[in-house]
Protein backbone atom coordinates (compact mmCIF):
# COMPACT_ATOMS: atom_id res chain seq x y z
CA MET A 1 0.00 0.00 0.00
CA PRO A 2 1.17 3.59 -0.51
CA ASP A 3 3.08 5.29 2.26
CA THR A 4 0.73 8.28 2.13
CA PRO A 5 -2.65 7.18 0.73
CA ALA A 6 -5.04 9.82 -0.52
CA THR A 7 -7.88 10.83 1.76
CA PRO A 8 -11.53 11.11 0.74
CA ASP A 9 -12.14 14.44 2.44
CA PRO A 10 -14.71 16.27 0.33
CA LYS A 11 -14.06 19.66 -1.18
CA PRO A 12 -16.47 22.49 -0.35
CA GLY A 13 -19.98 21.59 -1.46
CA LYS A 14 -19.35 17.85 -1.61
CA VAL A 15 -20.93 15.34 0.76
CA LEU A 16 -19.58 11.98 1.89
CA VAL A 17 -21.98 9.09 1.31
CA PRO A 18 -21.43 5.50 2.52
CA ALA A 19 -20.57 3.20 -0.37
CA GLU A 20 -23.35 0.73 0.44
CA ASP A 21 -25.93 3.53 0.50
CA LEU A 22 -24.81 4.66 -2.94
CA ARG A 23 -24.84 1.07 -4.22
CA THR A 24 -28.40 0.47 -2.99
CA PHE A 25 -29.59 3.88 -4.20
CA SER A 26 -28.00 3.51 -7.64
CA ALA A 27 -29.40 0.00 -8.06
CA ALA A 28 -32.88 1.22 -7.13
CA LEU A 29 -32.68 4.01 -9.72
CA LEU A 30 -31.44 1.65 -12.43
CA GLU A 31 -34.15 -0.87 -11.62
CA LYS A 32 -36.79 1.85 -11.99
CA GLY A 33 -35.05 2.69 -15.27
CA GLY A 34 -35.88 -0.76 -16.57
CA LEU A 35 -33.09 -3.14 -15.54
CA SER A 36 -33.81 -6.34 -13.66
CA PRO A 37 -32.85 -6.29 -9.95
CA GLU A 38 -29.79 -8.47 -10.68
CA HIS A 39 -28.59 -6.36 -13.59
CA ALA A 40 -29.28 -3.14 -11.72
CA ARG A 41 -27.15 -4.35 -8.81
CA THR A 42 -24.35 -5.46 -11.12
CA THR A 43 -24.28 -2.08 -12.86
CA ALA A 44 -24.35 -0.22 -9.56
CA ASP A 45 -21.43 -2.35 -8.33
CA VAL A 46 -19.30 -1.16 -11.26
CA PHE A 47 -20.13 2.50 -10.58
CA VAL A 48 -19.41 2.24 -6.86
CA TRP A 49 -16.14 0.35 -7.50
CA ALA A 50 -14.98 3.18 -9.76
CA ALA A 51 -16.07 5.85 -7.27
CA LEU A 52 -14.26 4.11 -4.41
CA ARG A 53 -11.04 4.11 -6.41
CA GLY A 54 -11.33 7.78 -7.35
CA VAL A 55 -12.38 7.20 -10.97
CA ASP A 56 -15.30 9.56 -10.47
CA SER A 57 -15.83 10.07 -14.21
CA HIS A 58 -17.02 6.43 -14.32
CA GLY A 59 -18.59 6.43 -10.87
CA ILE A 60 -21.96 7.47 -9.51
CA ALA A 61 -22.10 10.37 -11.97
CA ARG A 62 -22.80 7.75 -14.66
CA VAL A 63 -26.17 6.73 -13.19
CA PRO A 64 -28.19 9.56 -14.83
CA ALA A 65 -26.43 8.92 -18.17
CA TYR A 66 -27.36 5.23 -18.02
CA LEU A 67 -30.95 6.11 -17.17
CA ASP A 68 -31.00 8.24 -20.31
CA LEU A 69 -29.50 5.41 -22.39
CA LEU A 70 -32.22 3.08 -21.12
CA GLU A 71 -35.03 5.58 -21.62
CA LYS A 72 -33.95 6.33 -25.19
CA GLY A 73 -33.57 2.67 -26.04
CA VAL A 74 -29.86 3.03 -26.77
CA ALA A 75 -29.25 0.46 -24.02
CA ASN A 76 -31.52 -2.58 -24.02
CA ALA A 77 -33.01 -3.28 -20.59
CA ASP A 78 -34.43 -6.61 -21.80
CA ALA A 79 -31.39 -7.81 -23.71
CA ARG A 80 -31.22 -11.47 -24.69
CA ILE A 81 -27.58 -12.23 -23.96
CA THR A 82 -26.34 -15.32 -25.77
CA LEU A 83 -23.05 -17.21 -25.83
CA GLU A 84 -21.45 -18.65 -28.94
CA SER A 85 -18.49 -21.06 -28.74
CA THR A 86 -16.84 -23.69 -30.90
CA THR A 87 -13.81 -24.34 -28.68
CA PRO A 88 -13.31 -24.64 -24.89
CA GLY A 89 -10.89 -21.74 -24.66
CA ALA A 90 -12.87 -19.09 -26.53
CA ALA A 91 -16.38 -17.71 -26.76
CA VAL A 92 -18.33 -14.71 -28.01
CA LEU A 93 -20.98 -13.15 -25.84
CA ASP A 94 -23.63 -11.33 -27.90
CA ALA A 95 -24.83 -8.59 -25.58
CA ASP A 96 -27.87 -7.49 -27.62
CA ARG A 97 -27.10 -3.88 -26.52
CA ALA A 98 -27.13 -4.71 -22.81
CA PRO A 99 -25.34 -2.15 -20.64
CA GLY A 100 -21.60 -2.81 -20.53
CA PRO A 101 -21.46 -3.66 -16.80
CA VAL A 102 -24.01 -6.43 -17.36
CA ALA A 103 -22.34 -7.86 -20.46
CA LEU A 104 -18.70 -7.61 -19.35
CA SER A 105 -19.39 -8.95 -15.86
CA ALA A 106 -20.92 -12.04 -17.47
CA ALA A 107 -17.97 -12.27 -19.86
CA ALA A 108 -15.45 -12.08 -17.00
CA THR A 109 -17.21 -14.91 -15.16
CA GLU A 110 -17.29 -17.00 -18.32
CA ALA A 111 -13.59 -16.40 -19.01
CA VAL A 112 -12.63 -17.51 -15.49
CA ASP A 113 -14.80 -20.62 -15.66
CA ARG A 114 -13.24 -21.67 -18.95
CA ALA A 115 -9.69 -20.84 -17.88
CA ARG A 116 -9.96 -23.23 -14.93
CA THR A 117 -10.04 -26.02 -17.51
CA THR A 118 -8.04 -24.61 -20.41
CA GLY A 119 -5.45 -22.51 -18.53
CA ILE A 120 -6.24 -19.49 -20.69
CA ALA A 121 -9.62 -18.39 -22.01
CA THR A 122 -10.89 -15.48 -24.07
CA VAL A 123 -14.40 -14.08 -24.28
CA GLY A 124 -15.31 -11.46 -26.85
CA VAL A 125 -18.26 -9.16 -26.23
CA ARG A 126 -20.32 -8.07 -29.22
CA GLU A 127 -22.66 -5.06 -29.35
CA THR A 128 -22.75 -3.74 -25.80
CA VAL A 129 -23.38 -0.15 -24.68
CA HIS A 130 -20.77 1.79 -22.67
CA THR A 131 -18.51 -0.64 -20.87
CA GLY A 132 -17.86 1.54 -17.82
CA ALA A 133 -14.60 1.15 -15.88
CA ILE A 134 -12.84 -1.73 -17.63
CA GLY A 135 -10.52 -2.14 -14.65
CA TYR A 136 -13.47 -3.56 -12.72
CA TYR A 137 -13.78 -6.64 -14.92
CA VAL A 138 -10.11 -7.58 -14.98
CA SER A 139 -10.03 -7.00 -11.21
CA LYS A 140 -12.84 -9.53 -10.85
CA ILE A 141 -10.70 -12.00 -12.78
CA ALA A 142 -7.74 -11.25 -10.50
CA GLU A 143 -9.92 -11.87 -7.43
CA GLN A 144 -10.16 -15.47 -8.64
CA GLY A 145 -6.36 -15.77 -8.62
CA MET A 146 -5.99 -15.28 -12.35
CA ILE A 147 -4.46 -12.62 -14.54
CA GLY A 148 -7.11 -10.50 -16.25
CA ILE A 149 -6.58 -8.61 -19.51
CA GLY A 150 -9.19 -6.49 -21.25
CA PHE A 151 -9.55 -4.37 -24.37
CA VAL A 152 -12.45 -2.19 -25.48
CA ALA A 153 -13.31 -0.50 -28.78
CA GLY A 154 -15.93 2.18 -29.13
CA MET A 155 -17.14 5.04 -31.29
CA PRO A 156 -14.39 7.16 -32.91
CA ASN A 157 -13.86 10.30 -30.84
CA MET A 158 -10.08 10.79 -30.95
CA GLY A 159 -7.53 11.91 -33.50
CA TYR A 160 -5.27 9.58 -35.45
CA ALA A 161 -1.75 10.50 -36.56
CA GLY A 162 -1.98 12.09 -39.99
CA VAL A 163 -5.80 12.19 -40.13
CA LYS A 164 -7.94 15.33 -40.13
CA GLY A 165 -10.66 15.15 -37.47
CA ALA A 166 -11.85 12.32 -35.22
CA ALA A 167 -10.77 8.92 -36.52
CA VAL A 168 -10.44 6.28 -33.78
CA ALA A 169 -11.76 5.70 -30.26
CA THR A 170 -10.10 6.39 -26.92
CA SER A 171 -10.02 2.62 -26.52
CA PRO A 172 -8.85 1.43 -23.09
CA LEU A 173 -6.61 -1.40 -21.99
CA ALA A 174 -6.63 -2.94 -18.52
CA ILE A 175 -4.45 -5.60 -16.89
CA ALA A 176 -4.88 -6.99 -13.36
CA VAL A 177 -2.30 -9.26 -11.75
CA PRO A 178 -2.99 -10.88 -8.36
CA ALA A 179 -0.40 -10.82 -5.58
CA GLU A 180 -0.11 -12.61 -2.24
CA ASP A 181 0.29 -9.72 0.24
CA HIS A 182 0.17 -6.62 -1.96
CA ALA A 183 -2.90 -5.11 -3.56
CA PRO A 184 -3.17 -6.46 -7.13
CA LEU A 185 -1.36 -4.59 -9.85
CA LEU A 186 -4.02 -2.84 -11.91
CA LEU A 187 -3.03 -1.03 -15.08
CA ASP A 188 -6.09 0.75 -16.47
CA MET A 189 -5.42 3.25 -19.24
CA ALA A 190 -6.93 4.79 -22.33
CA THR A 191 -5.11 5.34 -25.60
CA ALA A 192 -5.76 9.09 -25.31
CA THR A 193 -3.50 11.69 -23.75
CA ILE A 194 -6.42 13.14 -21.81
CA ALA A 195 -9.96 11.97 -21.03
CA LEU A 196 -12.97 13.66 -22.61
CA GLY A 197 -14.24 14.34 -19.11
CA LYS A 198 -11.06 16.29 -18.33
CA ILE A 199 -11.63 18.44 -21.41
CA ARG A 200 -15.17 19.19 -20.24
CA GLN A 201 -13.89 20.06 -16.77
CA ALA A 202 -11.26 22.40 -18.23
CA LYS A 203 -13.91 24.03 -20.39
CA ALA A 204 -16.12 24.65 -17.37
CA SER A 205 -13.27 26.13 -15.32
CA GLY A 206 -11.48 27.90 -18.19
CA THR A 207 -8.24 26.11 -17.32
CA PRO A 208 -5.77 25.77 -20.23
CA LEU A 209 -5.13 22.23 -21.43
CA PRO A 210 -1.66 20.67 -21.59
CA GLU A 211 0.25 20.92 -24.85
CA GLY A 212 -0.53 18.07 -27.24
CA ALA A 213 -3.51 16.78 -25.24
CA ALA A 214 -6.50 17.95 -27.26
CA ALA A 215 -7.55 19.27 -30.64
CA THR A 216 -10.23 21.28 -32.43
CA GLU A 217 -12.85 19.64 -34.62
CA ASP A 218 -10.52 19.57 -37.62
CA GLY A 219 -7.71 18.02 -35.61
CA THR A 220 -5.63 21.13 -34.94
CA PRO A 221 -3.90 20.82 -31.53
CA THR A 222 -5.04 23.44 -29.01
CA THR A 223 -4.63 24.29 -25.36
CA ASP A 224 -7.83 26.38 -25.36
CA PRO A 225 -10.55 24.32 -23.64
CA ALA A 226 -13.24 26.40 -25.37
CA LEU A 227 -12.00 25.18 -28.76
CA ALA A 228 -11.07 21.61 -27.82
CA VAL A 229 -13.55 18.94 -28.89
CA MET A 230 -11.49 15.75 -28.86
CA PRO A 231 -8.43 14.24 -27.20
CA LEU A 232 -5.25 13.40 -29.05
CA PRO A 233 -3.71 9.92 -28.91
CA LEU A 234 -1.16 9.05 -26.25
CA GLY A 235 2.29 9.17 -27.78
CA GLY A 236 0.96 10.25 -31.16
CA ALA A 237 1.24 7.34 -33.58
CA LYS A 238 1.67 4.88 -30.69
CA GLY A 239 -1.66 5.66 -29.06
CA SER A 240 -3.59 5.85 -32.32
CA GLY A 241 -1.99 2.60 -33.46
CA MET A 242 -3.02 0.89 -30.23
CA SER A 243 -6.60 2.07 -30.69
CA LEU A 244 -6.73 0.68 -34.20
CA ALA A 245 -5.25 -2.62 -33.00
CA PHE A 246 -7.88 -2.86 -30.25
CA GLU A 247 -10.60 -2.37 -32.89
CA LEU A 248 -9.20 -5.41 -34.71
CA LEU A 249 -8.87 -7.44 -31.49
CA THR A 250 -12.45 -6.73 -30.45
CA SER A 251 -14.91 -5.42 -33.04
CA VAL A 252 -13.49 -7.08 -36.14
CA LEU A 253 -12.72 -10.31 -34.26
CA VAL A 254 -16.34 -10.72 -33.09
CA GLY A 255 -17.81 -9.73 -36.45
CA ALA A 256 -19.13 -6.30 -35.47
CA PRO A 257 -16.78 -3.66 -36.97
CA ILE A 258 -17.19 -0.15 -35.61
CA PHE A 259 -14.37 1.82 -37.27
CA SER A 260 -15.18 0.96 -40.91
CA ALA A 261 -18.92 1.32 -40.35
CA PHE A 262 -18.49 4.70 -38.64
CA HIS A 263 -16.53 6.07 -41.58
CA SER A 264 -18.92 4.65 -44.19
CA ASP A 265 -22.03 6.22 -45.75
CA ASP A 266 -24.33 3.99 -43.69
CA PRO A 267 -26.17 6.08 -41.02
CA GLN A 268 -26.34 2.97 -38.83
CA GLY A 269 -22.57 3.09 -38.63
CA ARG A 270 -22.84 5.96 -36.14
CA LYS A 271 -25.22 4.16 -33.81
CA HIS A 272 -23.62 3.99 -30.37
CA ARG A 273 -22.11 0.62 -29.48
CA GLN A 274 -18.98 -0.92 -28.04
CA ASN A 275 -17.17 -4.25 -28.26
CA ALA A 276 -14.70 -5.84 -25.88
CA LEU A 277 -12.34 -8.75 -25.30
CA LEU A 278 -11.55 -10.23 -21.89
CA ILE A 279 -8.79 -12.76 -21.26
CA ALA A 280 -8.22 -14.88 -18.16
CA LEU A 281 -4.86 -16.61 -17.57
CA ASP A 282 -4.58 -19.18 -14.79
CA PRO A 283 -1.07 -19.09 -13.26
CA GLU A 284 -1.43 -22.77 -12.36
CA ALA A 285 -1.17 -23.58 -16.04
CA PHE A 286 2.21 -21.80 -16.10
CA GLY A 287 3.85 -23.37 -13.08
CA GLY A 288 1.78 -22.75 -9.96
CA ALA A 289 -0.51 -20.04 -8.60
CA ALA A 290 0.99 -19.68 -5.10
CA GLY A 291 4.55 -19.38 -6.34
CA PHE A 292 3.45 -16.87 -8.95
CA ARG A 293 1.71 -14.58 -6.46
CA GLU A 294 4.75 -14.67 -4.16
CA ALA A 295 6.98 -13.74 -7.11
CA VAL A 296 4.63 -10.88 -7.92
CA ASP A 297 5.01 -9.66 -4.33
CA THR A 298 8.80 -9.84 -4.66
CA THR A 299 8.69 -7.86 -7.90
CA LEU A 300 6.44 -5.16 -6.45
CA SER A 301 8.50 -4.93 -3.24
CA THR A 302 11.68 -4.61 -5.30
CA LEU A 303 10.13 -1.74 -7.23
CA LYS A 304 9.10 0.08 -4.06
CA GLU A 305 12.58 -0.29 -2.57
CA LEU A 306 14.30 1.43 -5.50
CA PRO A 307 15.80 4.87 -4.79
CA LYS A 308 13.12 7.55 -4.91
CA ALA A 309 13.66 10.54 -7.18
CA ASP A 310 14.03 13.80 -5.25
CA GLU A 311 10.78 15.29 -6.57
CA ALA A 312 8.71 12.09 -6.24
CA ALA A 313 6.17 11.54 -3.47
CA GLY A 314 7.01 7.85 -3.52
CA VAL A 315 7.45 4.83 -5.74
CA PHE A 316 4.10 3.28 -6.64
CA TYR A 317 2.96 0.48 -8.92
CA PRO A 318 -0.21 0.72 -11.06
CA GLY A 319 -3.35 0.43 -8.97
CA GLU A 320 -1.61 0.81 -5.60
CA ARG A 321 -2.83 4.30 -4.74
CA SER A 322 -6.35 3.71 -6.04
CA ALA A 323 -6.57 0.55 -3.89
CA ALA A 324 -5.56 2.57 -0.83
CA LEU A 325 -8.10 5.25 -1.68
CA ALA A 326 -10.78 2.56 -1.99
CA LEU A 327 -10.04 1.40 1.55
CA SER A 328 -10.21 4.96 2.83
CA ARG A 329 -13.42 5.78 1.01
CA SER A 330 -14.96 2.49 2.17
CA GLU A 331 -14.46 3.67 5.74
CA GLN A 332 -15.25 7.36 5.38
CA GLY A 333 -17.62 7.58 2.43
CA ILE A 334 -17.57 8.55 -1.24
CA PRO A 335 -17.53 12.27 -2.13
CA VAL A 336 -20.50 13.36 -4.24
CA THR A 337 -20.39 16.77 -5.94
CA PRO A 338 -23.31 19.21 -5.75
CA LYS A 339 -24.06 18.76 -9.46
CA VAL A 340 -24.17 14.97 -9.29
CA ARG A 341 -26.12 15.12 -6.04
CA GLN A 342 -28.75 17.40 -7.56
CA ASP A 343 -29.07 15.21 -10.64
CA LEU A 344 -29.46 12.04 -8.59
CA VAL A 345 -32.02 13.59 -6.26
CA GLU A 346 -34.08 14.91 -9.17
CA ARG A 347 -34.04 11.49 -10.85
CA ALA A 348 -35.03 9.80 -7.59
CA ARG A 349 -37.99 12.09 -7.06
CA LYS A 350 -39.12 11.56 -10.63
CA LEU A 351 -38.84 7.76 -10.28
CA ASP A 352 -40.15 7.64 -6.69
CA VAL A 353 -36.96 6.15 -5.27
CA THR A 354 -35.99 6.61 -1.62
CA ILE A 355 -33.13 9.09 -1.30
CA PRO A 356 -30.32 8.45 1.22
CA GLU A 357 -30.61 10.91 4.08
CA VAL A 358 -27.23 12.51 3.51
CA LEU A 359 -28.17 13.31 -0.11
CA ALA A 360 -31.69 14.50 0.75
CA GLN A 361 -30.49 17.16 3.21
């Protein structure tokens, strides 16, 4: 764990809400929005997990957006999820436009179940809607003592090296590796230099953007948040190349291309959807789970014992600080901003859902 974990103390105007209260409240809202009780709970779990770890852009603030997706029919509340497989180590889950948390949670479970027999298993997800925090699903795989790897492809909203305008998606990659005594390593990153949510925040506050992080509609780099409409790829050609590769590893692999359809003349090509690929690797198939986790601990400890740079707060591995924050927020509560609080309360009153006392005040 970090030497100095972040604290969940709210900024002015924010309130701290117990995680379980937010989970129950969010699930109740999503159920009123059309999801089954099981699927509503699953989706709420993903939001609360992200909020606990400080990924607030994919946390409780997503509940109103998902209610809108369900109301508009973009997300299918009554999806008929089916599984296609011709080999023990691979399958395709057709989500039928089910919300991402529902589809990818099922895919993660399926990948783990298959990997117990095959040592490694892959499950592709076809035609889901907004996957949420992809780190959640690979973390669920890691909780079962396996290595989890995930890729997602979505609608093009990011530049590509040499292309004018939006070309590829800010497709994320996540890897979770279990350890014996340390918190699991969790690498969860997008292929963009900056998140779209950060651009919106900068626009609202008038804060200049970093050089090379965002661009105007025609792809011209800008630091002016008022002109920025899309992020630029991480590392230029490297980030855009990764995004294109993830499209091939997900959308094209499961027979549901997004990139080529988006850039075609077919209006349906711009219909919101996402595809994903989850992989579970069982360390036992590579020489033993217990010995592997101990070696992971040794590796992480070795990293943390390296000489710290003068300006660094510490030496941390991916996922370490967010795991510490999750423990802190579990004890003290999750900060909810006034804007999110107002939106949630208004939705609850409209749907006749009981509002947690701390939010209703």
